[in-house]
Structures are given as C-alpha cells and as structure tokens.
Amino acid sequence: MFWIIIGVSAAILTTFSFVPQIARSLRTKSVKDVSPITLLQLSTGVFLWIIYGIYLKDPIIITANSVTFITLTIVLFLYFKYRRFTAK
C-alpha cells in the first residue's frame, strides 16, 4: 500500500506540473520563457511512458502520463499560438 501511495503522489505531482505554465501563458499571452525543445523532448518521453504503461497494464502510469501528455500538448499549442507575439 505504501508504494501505491508513493506512485499516486508522484503521478499527481508530475501530471499537473504544467498547469501553472498553461495558466501563465493564457494570462500573459506570452511564451517567451518556454523552450519548445524541452516540451517536445518531454512529450516524447511521456508518450513512451504511456506505451510502457500499456505494456505493463498499469493504470497509474497510463492515466498520469496521458493527462501529462494532454497538458504538454496544450502548452505546445499555446507556444505556437503566442510565439509570434513574443518573438523580437
């Protein structure tokens, strides 16, 4: 049970780690401090975690990384939407 709590806690923390970035980008309409390379690299890693979770049939890995992938996709969308306003 202890390890399930650790896994769920880690999943919650990492799953919602980009929500503040989404909120900030929407509020300021700026992505000047966002690195698209980092977002693409992390998105690829998260996608691979989803595949690995499917292989293991582990709902915690699948769910956490699926939600994280969605938030990363939103941040990437905002990056491409707002980058023209911040590029100088």
C-alpha atoms as a PDB file:
ATOM      1  CA  MET A   1       0.000   0.000   0.000  1.00  0.00           C
ATOM      2  CA  PHE A   2       2.869   2.391   0.809  1.00  0.00           C
ATOM      3  CA  TRP A   3       4.278   2.110  -2.716  1.00  0.00           C
ATOM      4  CA  ILE A   4       0.885   2.722  -4.276  1.00  0.00           C
ATOM      5  CA  ILE A   5       0.635   5.967  -2.284  1.00  0.00           C
ATOM      6  CA  ILE A   6       4.142   6.936  -3.445  1.00  0.00           C
ATOM      7  CA  GLY A   7       3.225   6.131  -7.067  1.00  0.00           C
ATOM      8  CA  VAL A   8      -0.064   8.006  -6.974  1.00  0.00           C
ATOM      9  CA  SER A   9       1.569  11.007  -5.270  1.00  0.00           C
ATOM     10  CA  ALA A  10       4.330  11.119  -7.874  1.00  0.00           C
ATOM     11  CA  ALA A  11       1.760  10.765 -10.643  1.00  0.00           C
ATOM     12  CA  ILE A  12      -0.350  13.648  -9.311  1.00  0.00           C
ATOM     13  CA  LEU A  13       2.640  15.967  -8.910  1.00  0.00           C
ATOM     14  CA  THR A  14       4.064  15.305 -12.372  1.00  0.00           C
ATOM     15  CA  THR A  15       0.689  15.110 -14.084  1.00  0.00           C
ATOM     16  CA  PHE A  16      -0.272  18.646 -13.147  1.00  0.00           C
ATOM     17  CA  SER A  17       3.211  20.188 -13.304  1.00  0.00           C
ATOM     18  CA  PHE A  18       2.465  22.146 -16.479  1.00  0.00           C
ATOM     19  CA  VAL A  19      -0.896  23.547 -15.377  1.00  0.00           C
ATOM     20  CA  PRO A  20       0.751  26.700 -13.920  1.00  0.00           C
ATOM     21  CA  GLN A  21       2.558  27.233 -17.249  1.00  0.00           C
ATOM     22  CA  ILE A  22      -0.728  26.906 -19.117  1.00  0.00           C
ATOM     23  CA  ALA A  23      -2.402  29.423 -16.780  1.00  0.00           C
ATOM     24  CA  ARG A  24       0.501  31.871 -17.083  1.00  0.00           C
ATOM     25  CA  SER A  25       0.636  31.587 -20.870  1.00  0.00           C
ATOM     26  CA  LEU A  26      -3.099  32.172 -21.156  1.00  0.00           C
ATOM     27  CA  ARG A  27      -2.995  35.107 -18.720  1.00  0.00           C
ATOM     28  CA  THR A  28       0.025  36.874 -20.264  1.00  0.00           C
ATOM     29  CA  LYS A  29      -0.403  35.613 -23.843  1.00  0.00           C
ATOM     30  CA  SER A  30       3.360  35.120 -23.771  1.00  0.00           C
ATOM     31  CA  VAL A  31       5.568  32.061 -24.091  1.00  0.00           C
ATOM     32  CA  LYS A  32       8.928  33.819 -24.227  1.00  0.00           C
ATOM     33  CA  ASP A  33      10.378  31.693 -21.415  1.00  0.00           C
ATOM     34  CA  VAL A  34       9.108  28.372 -22.785  1.00  0.00           C
ATOM     35  CA  SER A  35      11.558  26.076 -24.572  1.00  0.00           C
ATOM     36  CA  PRO A  36       9.897  24.170 -27.433  1.00  0.00           C
ATOM     37  CA  ILE A  37      12.781  21.659 -27.492  1.00  0.00           C
ATOM     38  CA  THR A  38      12.173  20.820 -23.843  1.00  0.00           C
ATOM     39  CA  LEU A  39       8.432  20.465 -24.454  1.00  0.00           C
ATOM     40  CA  LEU A  40       8.975  18.166 -27.436  1.00  0.00           C
ATOM     41  CA  GLN A  41      11.535  16.065 -25.572  1.00  0.00           C
ATOM     42  CA  LEU A  42       9.308  15.735 -22.519  1.00  0.00           C
ATOM     43  CA  SER A  43       6.258  14.967 -24.692  1.00  0.00           C
ATOM     44  CA  THR A  44       8.163  12.168 -26.412  1.00  0.00           C
ATOM     45  CA  GLY A  45       9.261  10.746 -23.063  1.00  0.00           C
ATOM     46  CA  VAL A  46       5.739  10.918 -21.658  1.00  0.00           C
ATOM     47  CA  PHE A  47       4.357   9.229 -24.782  1.00  0.00           C
ATOM     48  CA  LEU A  48       6.882   6.408 -24.317  1.00  0.00           C
ATOM     49  CA  TRP A  49       5.790   6.104 -20.670  1.00  0.00           C
ATOM     50  CA  ILE A  50       2.196   5.673 -21.896  1.00  0.00           C
ATOM     51  CA  ILE A  51       3.285   2.854 -24.204  1.00  0.00           C
ATOM     52  CA  TYR A  52       5.265   1.268 -21.358  1.00  0.00           C
ATOM     53  CA  GLY A  53       2.259   1.580 -19.022  1.00  0.00           C
ATOM     54  CA  ILE A  54       0.052  -0.110 -21.614  1.00  0.00           C
ATOM     55  CA  TYR A  55       2.586  -2.937 -21.869  1.00  0.00           C
ATOM     56  CA  LEU A  56       2.579  -3.330 -18.067  1.00  0.00           C
ATOM     57  CA  LYS A  57      -1.200  -2.809 -17.892  1.00  0.00           C
ATOM     58  CA  ASP A  58      -0.555  -0.234 -15.157  1.00  0.00           C
ATOM     59  CA  PRO A  59      -3.444   2.244 -14.877  1.00  0.00           C
ATOM     60  CA  ILE A  60      -1.444   4.710 -12.762  1.00  0.00           C
ATOM     61  CA  ILE A  61       1.315   5.032 -15.375  1.00  0.00           C
ATOM     62  CA  ILE A  62      -1.184   5.179 -18.242  1.00  0.00           C
ATOM     63  CA  THR A  63      -3.513   7.740 -16.645  1.00  0.00           C
ATOM     64  CA  ALA A  64      -0.849  10.032 -15.209  1.00  0.00           C
ATOM     65  CA  ASN A  65       1.149  10.176 -18.403  1.00  0.00           C
ATOM     66  CA  SER A  66      -1.925  10.559 -20.603  1.00  0.00           C
ATOM     67  CA  VAL A  67      -3.037  13.621 -18.636  1.00  0.00           C
ATOM     68  CA  THR A  68       0.528  14.961 -18.659  1.00  0.00           C
ATOM     69  CA  PHE A  69       0.675  14.447 -22.428  1.00  0.00           C
ATOM     70  CA  ILE A  70      -2.546  16.423 -22.818  1.00  0.00           C
ATOM     71  CA  THR A  71      -1.198  19.312 -20.726  1.00  0.00           C
ATOM     72  CA  LEU A  72       2.048  19.292 -22.709  1.00  0.00           C
ATOM     73  CA  THR A  73       0.050  19.337 -25.939  1.00  0.00           C
ATOM     74  CA  ILE A  74      -1.836  22.397 -24.656  1.00  0.00           C
ATOM     75  CA  VAL A  75       1.435  24.152 -23.766  1.00  0.00           C
ATOM     76  CA  LEU A  76       2.839  23.349 -27.218  1.00  0.00           C
ATOM     77  CA  PHE A  77      -0.328  24.684 -28.844  1.00  0.00           C
ATOM     78  CA  LEU A  78      -0.039  27.883 -26.797  1.00  0.00           C
ATOM     79  CA  TYR A  79       3.635  28.144 -27.707  1.00  0.00           C
ATOM     80  CA  PHE A  80       2.875  28.117 -31.424  1.00  0.00           C
ATOM     81  CA  LYS A  81      -0.151  30.385 -30.952  1.00  0.00           C
ATOM     82  CA  TYR A  82       1.610  33.054 -28.854  1.00  0.00           C
ATOM     83  CA  ARG A  83       5.215  32.874 -30.049  1.00  0.00           C
ATOM     84  CA  ARG A  84       4.618  35.456 -32.764  1.00  0.00           C
ATOM     85  CA  PHE A  85       3.621  37.985 -30.098  1.00  0.00           C
ATOM     86  CA  THR A  86       6.804  37.445 -28.097  1.00  0.00           C
ATOM     87  CA  ALA A  87       9.368  36.997 -30.878  1.00  0.00           C
ATOM     88  CA  LYS A  88      11.566  40.050 -31.255  1.00  0.00           C
END
